[in-house]
């Protein structure tokens, strides 16, 4: 049996909620985006979150994530479910 390096804790079974995910302190505050751009190919999806300035003349990608089409389908399902829950709770018209 291979032993883990001393700085790594032994792996414990995952709870139903999934793995513990750490956010580096310098990213904890998040980034503000007010636009989104999506690029889709056969093997990859790239999602750019964009911040457009108040006069609309300048934009900056504040976050870029690339992932598989399978994860994209999962993301679409999660977003649709979250949106339906939000609409139902807030009364926002569809």
PDB file of N, CA and C in Angstrom:
ATOM      1  N   UNK A   1       0.835  -1.184   0.000  1.00  0.00           N
ATOM      2  CA  UNK A   1       0.000   0.000   0.000  1.00  0.00           C
ATOM      3  C   UNK A   1       0.884   1.253   0.000  1.00  0.00           C
ATOM      4  N   UNK A   2       0.560   2.216  -0.838  1.00  0.00           N
ATOM      5  CA  UNK A   2       1.326   3.448  -0.931  1.00  0.00           C
ATOM      6  C   UNK A   2       0.851   4.418   0.134  1.00  0.00           C
ATOM      7  N   UNK A   3       1.776   5.039   0.826  1.00  0.00           N
ATOM      8  CA  UNK A   3       1.415   6.007   1.848  1.00  0.00           C
ATOM      9  C   UNK A   3       1.377   7.400   1.231  1.00  0.00           C
ATOM     10  N   UNK A   4       0.477   8.235   1.774  1.00  0.00           N
ATOM     11  CA  UNK A   4       0.380   9.614   1.302  1.00  0.00           C
ATOM     12  C   UNK A   4       1.534  10.429   1.869  1.00  0.00           C
ATOM     13  N   UNK A   5       1.961  11.457   1.159  1.00  0.00           N
ATOM     14  CA  UNK A   5       2.958  12.357   1.733  1.00  0.00           C
ATOM     15  C   UNK A   5       2.413  12.924   3.049  1.00  0.00           C
ATOM     16  N   UNK A   6       3.286  13.300   3.985  1.00  0.00           N
ATOM     17  CA  UNK A   6       2.823  13.742   5.299  1.00  0.00           C
ATOM     18  C   UNK A   6       1.931  14.973   5.280  1.00  0.00           C
ATOM     19  N   UNK A   7       2.020  15.833   4.250  1.00  0.00           N
ATOM     20  CA  UNK A   7       1.211  17.045   4.226  1.00  0.00           C
ATOM     21  C   UNK A   7      -0.184  16.821   3.643  1.00  0.00           C
ATOM     22  N   UNK A   8      -0.494  15.629   3.185  1.00  0.00           N
ATOM     23  CA  UNK A   8      -1.815  15.340   2.640  1.00  0.00           C
ATOM     24  C   UNK A   8      -2.592  14.470   3.614  1.00  0.00           C
ATOM     25  N   UNK A   9      -3.839  14.881   3.944  1.00  0.00           N
ATOM     26  CA  UNK A   9      -4.641  14.058   4.846  1.00  0.00           C
ATOM     27  C   UNK A   9      -5.106  12.800   4.128  1.00  0.00           C
ATOM     28  N   UNK A  10      -5.377  11.728   4.864  1.00  0.00           N
ATOM     29  CA  UNK A  10      -5.903  10.528   4.212  1.00  0.00           C
ATOM     30  C   UNK A  10      -7.263  10.837   3.590  1.00  0.00           C
ATOM     31  N   UNK A  11      -7.538  10.222   2.468  1.00  0.00           N
ATOM     32  CA  UNK A  11      -8.799  10.473   1.779  1.00  0.00           C
ATOM     33  C   UNK A  11      -9.943   9.836   2.553  1.00  0.00           C
ATOM     34  N   UNK A  12     -10.989  10.628   2.759  1.00  0.00           N
ATOM     35  CA  UNK A  12     -12.174  10.147   3.452  1.00  0.00           C
ATOM     36  C   UNK A  12     -13.297  10.001   2.438  1.00  0.00           C
ATOM     37  N   UNK A  13     -14.284   9.163   2.727  1.00  0.00           N
ATOM     38  CA  UNK A  13     -15.410   9.030   1.800  1.00  0.00           C
ATOM     39  C   UNK A  13     -16.130  10.365   1.621  1.00  0.00           C
ATOM     40  N   UNK A  14     -16.560  10.644   0.390  1.00  0.00           N
ATOM     41  CA  UNK A  14     -17.281  11.882   0.107  1.00  0.00           C
ATOM     42  C   UNK A  14     -18.696  11.798   0.648  1.00  0.00           C
ATOM     43  N   UNK A  15     -19.152  12.907   1.198  1.00  0.00           N
ATOM     44  CA  UNK A  15     -20.538  12.981   1.627  1.00  0.00           C
ATOM     45  C   UNK A  15     -21.401  13.229   0.402  1.00  0.00           C
ATOM     46  N   UNK A  16     -22.700  13.142   0.584  1.00  0.00           N
ATOM     47  CA  UNK A  16     -23.633  13.329  -0.522  1.00  0.00           C
ATOM     48  C   UNK A  16     -23.477  14.699  -1.167  1.00  0.00           C
ATOM     49  N   UNK A  17     -22.983  15.695  -0.421  1.00  0.00           N
ATOM     50  CA  UNK A  17     -22.857  17.043  -0.962  1.00  0.00           C
ATOM     51  C   UNK A  17     -21.668  17.201  -1.899  1.00  0.00           C
ATOM     52  N   UNK A  18     -20.765  16.239  -1.929  1.00  0.00           N
ATOM     53  CA  UNK A  18     -19.637  16.296  -2.841  1.00  0.00           C
ATOM     54  C   UNK A  18     -18.362  16.712  -2.154  1.00  0.00           C
ATOM     55  N   UNK A  19     -17.324  16.979  -2.949  1.00  0.00           N
ATOM     56  CA  UNK A  19     -16.015  17.298  -2.378  1.00  0.00           C
ATOM     57  C   UNK A  19     -15.976  18.697  -1.775  1.00  0.00           C
ATOM     58  N   UNK A  20     -15.027  18.908  -0.879  1.00  0.00           N
ATOM     59  CA  UNK A  20     -14.777  20.236  -0.338  1.00  0.00           C
ATOM     60  C   UNK A  20     -13.965  20.989  -1.380  1.00  0.00           C
ATOM     61  N   UNK A  21     -14.419  22.178  -1.740  1.00  0.00           N
ATOM     62  CA  UNK A  21     -13.744  22.977  -2.759  1.00  0.00           C
ATOM     63  C   UNK A  21     -13.223  24.249  -2.101  1.00  0.00           C
ATOM     64  N   UNK A  22     -11.940  24.492  -2.238  1.00  0.00           N
ATOM     65  CA  UNK A  22     -11.322  25.677  -1.649  1.00  0.00           C
ATOM     66  C   UNK A  22     -11.289  26.813  -2.659  1.00  0.00           C
ATOM     67  N   UNK A  23     -11.469  28.021  -2.164  1.00  0.00           N
ATOM     68  CA  UNK A  23     -11.339  29.224  -2.987  1.00  0.00           C
ATOM     69  C   UNK A  23     -10.117  29.975  -2.480  1.00  0.00           C
ATOM     70  N   UNK A  24      -9.132  30.210  -3.346  1.00  0.00           N
ATOM     71  CA  UNK A  24      -7.959  30.963  -2.899  1.00  0.00           C
ATOM     72  C   UNK A  24      -8.379  32.340  -2.370  1.00  0.00           C
ATOM     73  N   UNK A  25      -7.745  32.809  -1.304  1.00  0.00           N
ATOM     74  CA  UNK A  25      -8.138  34.092  -0.706  1.00  0.00           C
ATOM     75  C   UNK A  25      -8.180  35.254  -1.696  1.00  0.00           C
ATOM     76  N   UNK A  26      -7.266  35.269  -2.664  1.00  0.00           N
ATOM     77  CA  UNK A  26      -7.241  36.386  -3.620  1.00  0.00           C
ATOM     78  C   UNK A  26      -8.376  36.315  -4.638  1.00  0.00           C
ATOM     79  N   UNK A  27      -9.141  35.220  -4.649  1.00  0.00           N
ATOM     80  CA  UNK A  27     -10.281  35.092  -5.558  1.00  0.00           C
ATOM     81  C   UNK A  27     -11.621  35.060  -4.822  1.00  0.00           C
ATOM     82  N   UNK A  28     -11.591  35.096  -3.500  1.00  0.00           N
ATOM     83  CA  UNK A  28     -12.803  34.935  -2.707  1.00  0.00           C
ATOM     84  C   UNK A  28     -13.848  36.009  -2.994  1.00  0.00           C
ATOM     85  N   UNK A  29     -13.433  37.230  -3.258  1.00  0.00           N
ATOM     86  CA  UNK A  29     -14.375  38.319  -3.486  1.00  0.00           C
ATOM     87  C   UNK A  29     -15.111  38.192  -4.817  1.00  0.00           C
ATOM     88  N   UNK A  30     -14.616  37.373  -5.716  1.00  0.00           N
ATOM     89  CA  UNK A  30     -15.276  37.211  -7.014  1.00  0.00           C
ATOM     90  C   UNK A  30     -15.009  38.393  -7.928  1.00  0.00           C
ATOM     91  N   UNK A  31     -15.654  38.370  -9.083  1.00  0.00           N
ATOM     92  CA  UNK A  31     -15.503  39.440 -10.073  1.00  0.00           C
ATOM     93  C   UNK A  31     -16.882  39.801 -10.604  1.00  0.00           C
ATOM     94  N   UNK A  32     -17.105  41.045 -10.925  1.00  0.00           N
ATOM     95  CA  UNK A  32     -18.369  41.514 -11.464  1.00  0.00           C
ATOM     96  C   UNK A  32     -18.348  41.391 -12.986  1.00  0.00           C
ATOM     97  N   UNK A  33     -19.407  40.802 -13.537  1.00  0.00           N
ATOM     98  CA  UNK A  33     -19.559  40.705 -14.986  1.00  0.00           C
ATOM     99  C   UNK A  33     -20.964  41.169 -15.343  1.00  0.00           C
ATOM    100  N   UNK A  34     -21.080  41.844 -16.470  1.00  0.00           N
ATOM    101  CA  UNK A  34     -22.400  42.280 -16.927  1.00  0.00           C
ATOM    102  C   UNK A  34     -22.655  41.864 -18.379  1.00  0.00           C
ATOM    103  N   UNK A  35     -21.828  40.946 -18.867  1.00  0.00           N
ATOM    104  CA  UNK A  35     -22.037  40.388 -20.198  1.00  0.00           C
ATOM    105  C   UNK A  35     -21.362  39.022 -20.235  1.00  0.00           C
ATOM    106  N   UNK A  36     -21.728  38.235 -21.223  1.00  0.00           N
ATOM    107  CA  UNK A  36     -21.159  36.898 -21.359  1.00  0.00           C
ATOM    108  C   UNK A  36     -20.951  36.609 -22.840  1.00  0.00           C
ATOM    109  N   UNK A  37     -19.881  35.885 -23.139  1.00  0.00           N
ATOM    110  CA  UNK A  37     -19.622  35.436 -24.502  1.00  0.00           C
ATOM    111  C   UNK A  37     -19.357  33.946 -24.449  1.00  0.00           C
ATOM    112  N   UNK A  38     -19.841  33.231 -25.440  1.00  0.00           N
ATOM    113  CA  UNK A  38     -19.724  31.784 -25.458  1.00  0.00           C
ATOM    114  C   UNK A  38     -19.168  31.343 -26.802  1.00  0.00           C
ATOM    115  N   UNK A  39     -18.165  30.468 -26.765  1.00  0.00           N
ATOM    116  CA  UNK A  39     -17.598  29.879 -27.978  1.00  0.00           C
ATOM    117  C   UNK A  39     -17.728  28.366 -27.848  1.00  0.00           C
ATOM    118  N   UNK A  40     -18.325  27.737 -28.848  1.00  0.00           N
ATOM    119  CA  UNK A  40     -18.574  26.298 -28.794  1.00  0.00           C
ATOM    120  C   UNK A  40     -17.947  25.636 -30.013  1.00  0.00           C
ATOM    121  N   UNK A  41     -17.157  24.572 -29.751  1.00  0.00           N
ATOM    122  CA  UNK A  41     -16.623  23.738 -30.824  1.00  0.00           C
ATOM    123  C   UNK A  41     -17.076  22.302 -30.543  1.00  0.00           C
ATOM    124  N   UNK A  42     -16.706  21.399 -31.388  1.00  0.00           N
ATOM    125  CA  UNK A  42     -17.088  19.998 -31.216  1.00  0.00           C
ATOM    126  C   UNK A  42     -16.587  19.426 -29.899  1.00  0.00           C
ATOM    127  N   UNK A  43     -15.413  19.843 -29.454  1.00  0.00           N
ATOM    128  CA  UNK A  43     -14.781  19.236 -28.290  1.00  0.00           C
ATOM    129  C   UNK A  43     -14.644  20.143 -27.080  1.00  0.00           C
ATOM    130  N   UNK A  44     -15.036  21.418 -27.209  1.00  0.00           N
ATOM    131  CA  UNK A  44     -14.774  22.353 -26.117  1.00  0.00           C
ATOM    132  C   UNK A  44     -15.773  23.493 -26.124  1.00  0.00           C
ATOM    133  N   UNK A  45     -16.102  23.946 -24.927  1.00  0.00           N
ATOM    134  CA  UNK A  45     -16.941  25.127 -24.751  1.00  0.00           C
ATOM    135  C   UNK A  45     -16.129  26.118 -23.928  1.00  0.00           C
ATOM    136  N   UNK A  46     -16.101  27.372 -24.357  1.00  0.00           N
ATOM    137  CA  UNK A  46     -15.400  28.412 -23.600  1.00  0.00           C
ATOM    138  C   UNK A  46     -16.398  29.500 -23.252  1.00  0.00           C
ATOM    139  N   UNK A  47     -16.462  29.805 -21.954  1.00  0.00           N
ATOM    140  CA  UNK A  47     -17.377  30.808 -21.421  1.00  0.00           C
ATOM    141  C   UNK A  47     -16.544  31.972 -20.906  1.00  0.00           C
ATOM    142  N   UNK A  48     -16.749  33.142 -21.476  1.00  0.00           N
ATOM    143  CA  UNK A  48     -16.077  34.356 -21.027  1.00  0.00           C
ATOM    144  C   UNK A  48     -17.086  35.229 -20.299  1.00  0.00           C
ATOM    145  N   UNK A  49     -16.763  35.582 -19.061  1.00  0.00           N
ATOM    146  CA  UNK A  49     -17.558  36.552 -18.320  1.00  0.00           C
ATOM    147  C   UNK A  49     -16.874  37.898 -18.530  1.00  0.00           C
ATOM    148  N   UNK A  50     -17.648  38.891 -18.961  1.00  0.00           N
ATOM    149  CA  UNK A  50     -17.089  40.160 -19.417  1.00  0.00           C
ATOM    150  C   UNK A  50     -17.663  41.310 -18.596  1.00  0.00           C
ATOM    151  N   UNK A  51     -16.822  42.267 -18.287  1.00  0.00           N
ATOM    152  CA  UNK A  51     -17.256  43.500 -17.634  1.00  0.00           C
ATOM    153  C   UNK A  51     -17.155  44.605 -18.661  1.00  0.00           C
ATOM    154  N   UNK A  52     -18.314  45.180 -19.026  1.00  0.00           N
ATOM    155  CA  UNK A  52     -18.371  46.302 -19.965  1.00  0.00           C
ATOM    156  C   UNK A  52     -18.451  47.586 -19.141  1.00  0.00           C
ATOM    157  N   UNK A  53     -17.627  48.571 -19.484  1.00  0.00           N
ATOM    158  CA  UNK A  53     -17.611  49.841 -18.750  1.00  0.00           C
ATOM    159  C   UNK A  53     -18.910  50.607 -18.890  1.00  0.00           C
ATOM    160  N   UNK A  54     -19.107  51.625 -18.045  1.00  0.00           N
ATOM    161  CA  UNK A  54     -20.376  52.363 -18.000  1.00  0.00           C
ATOM    162  C   UNK A  54     -20.748  53.076 -19.294  1.00  0.00           C
ATOM    163  N   UNK A  55     -19.787  53.420 -20.110  1.00  0.00           N
ATOM    164  CA  UNK A  55     -20.107  54.095 -21.372  1.00  0.00           C
ATOM    165  C   UNK A  55     -20.197  53.096 -22.521  1.00  0.00           C
ATOM    166  N   UNK A  56     -19.968  51.815 -22.239  1.00  0.00           N
ATOM    167  CA  UNK A  56     -20.090  50.779 -23.253  1.00  0.00           C
ATOM    168  C   UNK A  56     -18.991  50.775 -24.299  1.00  0.00           C
ATOM    169  N   UNK A  57     -17.925  51.516 -24.051  1.00  0.00           N
ATOM    170  CA  UNK A  57     -16.859  51.612 -25.044  1.00  0.00           C
ATOM    171  C   UNK A  57     -15.708  50.658 -24.790  1.00  0.00           C
ATOM    172  N   UNK A  58     -15.680  50.047 -23.603  1.00  0.00           N
ATOM    173  CA  UNK A  58     -14.553  49.213 -23.252  1.00  0.00           C
ATOM    174  C   UNK A  58     -15.048  48.003 -22.479  1.00  0.00           C
ATOM    175  N   UNK A  59     -14.514  46.835 -22.804  1.00  0.00           N
ATOM    176  CA  UNK A  59     -14.860  45.626 -22.068  1.00  0.00           C
ATOM    177  C   UNK A  59     -13.622  44.832 -21.739  1.00  0.00           C
ATOM    178  N   UNK A  60     -13.718  44.036 -20.677  1.00  0.00           N
ATOM    179  CA  UNK A  60     -12.589  43.225 -20.236  1.00  0.00           C
ATOM    180  C   UNK A  60     -13.105  41.861 -19.791  1.00  0.00           C
ATOM    181  N   UNK A  61     -12.451  40.790 -20.229  1.00  0.00           N
ATOM    182  CA  UNK A  61     -12.785  39.457 -19.755  1.00  0.00           C
ATOM    183  C   UNK A  61     -12.296  39.369 -18.316  1.00  0.00           C
ATOM    184  N   UNK A  62     -13.213  39.119 -17.375  1.00  0.00           N
ATOM    185  CA  UNK A  62     -12.842  39.009 -15.969  1.00  0.00           C
ATOM    186  C   UNK A  62     -12.704  37.555 -15.539  1.00  0.00           C
ATOM    187  N   UNK A  63     -13.233  36.640 -16.354  1.00  0.00           N
ATOM    188  CA  UNK A  63     -13.090  35.217 -16.060  1.00  0.00           C
ATOM    189  C   UNK A  63     -13.330  34.421 -17.336  1.00  0.00           C
ATOM    190  N   UNK A  64     -12.494  33.414 -17.559  1.00  0.00           N
ATOM    191  CA  UNK A  64     -12.660  32.528 -18.712  1.00  0.00           C
ATOM    192  C   UNK A  64     -12.580  31.096 -18.211  1.00  0.00           C
ATOM    193  N   UNK A  65     -13.558  30.295 -18.606  1.00  0.00           N
ATOM    194  CA  UNK A  65     -13.577  28.886 -18.232  1.00  0.00           C
ATOM    195  C   UNK A  65     -13.844  28.070 -19.487  1.00  0.00           C
ATOM    196  N   UNK A  66     -13.020  27.067 -19.712  1.00  0.00           N
ATOM    197  CA  UNK A  66     -13.231  26.141 -20.828  1.00  0.00           C
ATOM    198  C   UNK A  66     -13.533  24.770 -20.255  1.00  0.00           C
ATOM    199  N   UNK A  67     -14.471  24.060 -20.904  1.00  0.00           N
ATOM    200  CA  UNK A  67     -14.880  22.755 -20.396  1.00  0.00           C
ATOM    201  C   UNK A  67     -15.458  21.913 -21.517  1.00  0.00           C
ATOM    202  N   UNK A  68     -15.752  20.658 -21.200  1.00  0.00           N
ATOM    203  CA  UNK A  68     -16.265  19.720 -22.197  1.00  0.00           C
ATOM    204  C   UNK A  68     -17.738  19.992 -22.497  1.00  0.00           C
ATOM    205  N   UNK A  69     -18.222  19.540 -23.654  1.00  0.00           N
ATOM    206  CA  UNK A  69     -19.645  19.656 -23.956  1.00  0.00           C
ATOM    207  C   UNK A  69     -20.520  18.929 -22.933  1.00  0.00           C
ATOM    208  N   UNK A  70     -20.031  17.829 -22.353  1.00  0.00           N
ATOM    209  CA  UNK A  70     -20.796  17.111 -21.330  1.00  0.00           C
ATOM    210  C   UNK A  70     -21.000  17.984 -20.092  1.00  0.00           C
ATOM    211  N   UNK A  71     -19.955  18.662 -19.648  1.00  0.00           N
ATOM    212  CA  UNK A  71     -20.102  19.574 -18.521  1.00  0.00           C
ATOM    213  C   UNK A  71     -20.982  20.756 -18.896  1.00  0.00           C
ATOM    214  N   UNK A  72     -20.915  21.208 -20.134  1.00  0.00           N
ATOM    215  CA  UNK A  72     -21.779  22.284 -20.612  1.00  0.00           C
ATOM    216  C   UNK A  72     -23.248  21.889 -20.471  1.00  0.00           C
ATOM    217  N   UNK A  73     -23.589  20.662 -20.866  1.00  0.00           N
ATOM    218  CA  UNK A  73     -24.974  20.186 -20.732  1.00  0.00           C
ATOM    219  C   UNK A  73     -25.395  20.183 -19.266  1.00  0.00           C
ATOM    220  N   UNK A  74     -24.503  19.773 -18.376  1.00  0.00           N
ATOM    221  CA  UNK A  74     -24.801  19.772 -16.945  1.00  0.00           C
ATOM    222  C   UNK A  74     -25.021  21.199 -16.449  1.00  0.00           C
ATOM    223  N   UNK A  75     -24.178  22.131 -16.898  1.00  0.00           N
ATOM    224  CA  UNK A  75     -24.311  23.530 -16.513  1.00  0.00           C
ATOM    225  C   UNK A  75     -25.651  24.108 -16.973  1.00  0.00           C
ATOM    226  N   UNK A  76     -26.048  23.793 -18.189  1.00  0.00           N
ATOM    227  CA  UNK A  76     -27.335  24.269 -18.715  1.00  0.00           C
ATOM    228  C   UNK A  76     -28.478  23.765 -17.830  1.00  0.00           C
ATOM    229  N   UNK A  77     -28.443  22.491 -17.459  1.00  0.00           N
ATOM    230  CA  UNK A  77     -29.479  21.928 -16.590  1.00  0.00           C
ATOM    231  C   UNK A  77     -29.509  22.626 -15.237  1.00  0.00           C
ATOM    232  N   UNK A  78     -28.339  22.839 -14.641  1.00  0.00           N
ATOM    233  CA  UNK A  78     -28.264  23.500 -13.335  1.00  0.00           C
ATOM    234  C   UNK A  78     -28.792  24.932 -13.421  1.00  0.00           C
ATOM    235  N   UNK A  79     -28.398  25.658 -14.466  1.00  0.00           N
ATOM    236  CA  UNK A  79     -28.857  27.038 -14.627  1.00  0.00           C
ATOM    237  C   UNK A  79     -30.360  27.112 -14.864  1.00  0.00           C
ATOM    238  N   UNK A  80     -30.897  26.216 -15.684  1.00  0.00           N
ATOM    239  CA  UNK A  80     -32.343  26.200 -15.918  1.00  0.00           C
ATOM    240  C   UNK A  80     -33.107  25.940 -14.620  1.00  0.00           C
ATOM    241  N   UNK A  81     -32.641  24.982 -13.837  1.00  0.00           N
ATOM    242  CA  UNK A  81     -33.307  24.668 -12.574  1.00  0.00           C
ATOM    243  C   UNK A  81     -33.234  25.851 -11.601  1.00  0.00           C
ATOM    244  N   UNK A  82     -32.061  26.465 -11.512  1.00  0.00           N
ATOM    245  CA  UNK A  82     -31.895  27.624 -10.626  1.00  0.00           C
ATOM    246  C   UNK A  82     -32.782  28.783 -11.065  1.00  0.00           C
ATOM    247  N   UNK A  83     -32.886  29.001 -12.381  1.00  0.00           N
ATOM    248  CA  UNK A  83     -33.721  30.089 -12.887  1.00  0.00           C
ATOM    249  C   UNK A  83     -35.198  29.830 -12.569  1.00  0.00           C
ATOM    250  N   UNK A  84     -35.653  28.603 -12.776  1.00  0.00           N
ATOM    251  CA  UNK A  84     -37.048  28.257 -12.458  1.00  0.00           C
ATOM    252  C   UNK A  84     -37.337  28.484 -10.975  1.00  0.00           C
ATOM    253  N   UNK A  85     -36.415  28.073 -10.098  1.00  0.00           N
ATOM    254  CA  UNK A  85     -36.585  28.290  -8.658  1.00  0.00           C
ATOM    255  C   UNK A  85     -36.641  29.773  -8.345  1.00  0.00           C
ATOM    256  N   UNK A  86     -35.777  30.561  -8.983  1.00  0.00           N
ATOM    257  CA  UNK A  86     -35.753  32.001  -8.757  1.00  0.00           C
ATOM    258  C   UNK A  86     -37.059  32.652  -9.199  1.00  0.00           C
ATOM    259  N   UNK A  87     -37.523  32.304 -10.383  1.00  0.00           N
ATOM    260  CA  UNK A  87     -38.767  32.878 -10.909  1.00  0.00           C
ATOM    261  C   UNK A  87     -39.927  32.549  -9.983  1.00  0.00           C
ATOM    262  N   UNK A  88     -39.996  31.319  -9.545  1.00  0.00           N
ATOM    263  CA  UNK A  88     -41.081  30.894  -8.664  1.00  0.00           C
ATOM    264  C   UNK A  88     -41.037  31.638  -7.325  1.00  0.00           C
ATOM    265  N   UNK A  89     -39.834  31.793  -6.758  1.00  0.00           N
ATOM    266  CA  UNK A  89     -39.703  32.447  -5.454  1.00  0.00           C
ATOM    267  C   UNK A  89     -39.882  33.946  -5.524  1.00  0.00           C
ATOM    268  N   UNK A  90     -39.461  34.576  -6.616  1.00  0.00           N
ATOM    269  CA  UNK A  90     -39.472  36.032  -6.698  1.00  0.00           C
ATOM    270  C   UNK A  90     -40.711  36.607  -7.374  1.00  0.00           C
ATOM    271  N   UNK A  91     -41.389  35.793  -8.137  1.00  0.00           N
ATOM    272  CA  UNK A  91     -42.546  36.294  -8.873  1.00  0.00           C
ATOM    273  C   UNK A  91     -42.186  37.038 -10.145  1.00  0.00           C
ATOM    274  N   UNK A  92     -40.936  36.972 -10.547  1.00  0.00           N
ATOM    275  CA  UNK A  92     -40.507  37.617 -11.789  1.00  0.00           C
ATOM    276  C   UNK A  92     -41.255  36.938 -12.945  1.00  0.00           C
ATOM    277  N   UNK A  93     -41.852  37.733 -13.838  1.00  0.00           N
ATOM    278  CA  UNK A  93     -42.545  37.097 -14.974  1.00  0.00           C
ATOM    279  C   UNK A  93     -41.587  36.355 -15.883  1.00  0.00           C
ATOM    280  N   UNK A  94     -42.065  35.295 -16.466  1.00  0.00           N
ATOM    281  CA  UNK A  94     -41.234  34.478 -17.374  1.00  0.00           C
ATOM    282  C   UNK A  94     -41.047  35.139 -18.705  1.00  0.00           C
TER     283      UNK A  94
END
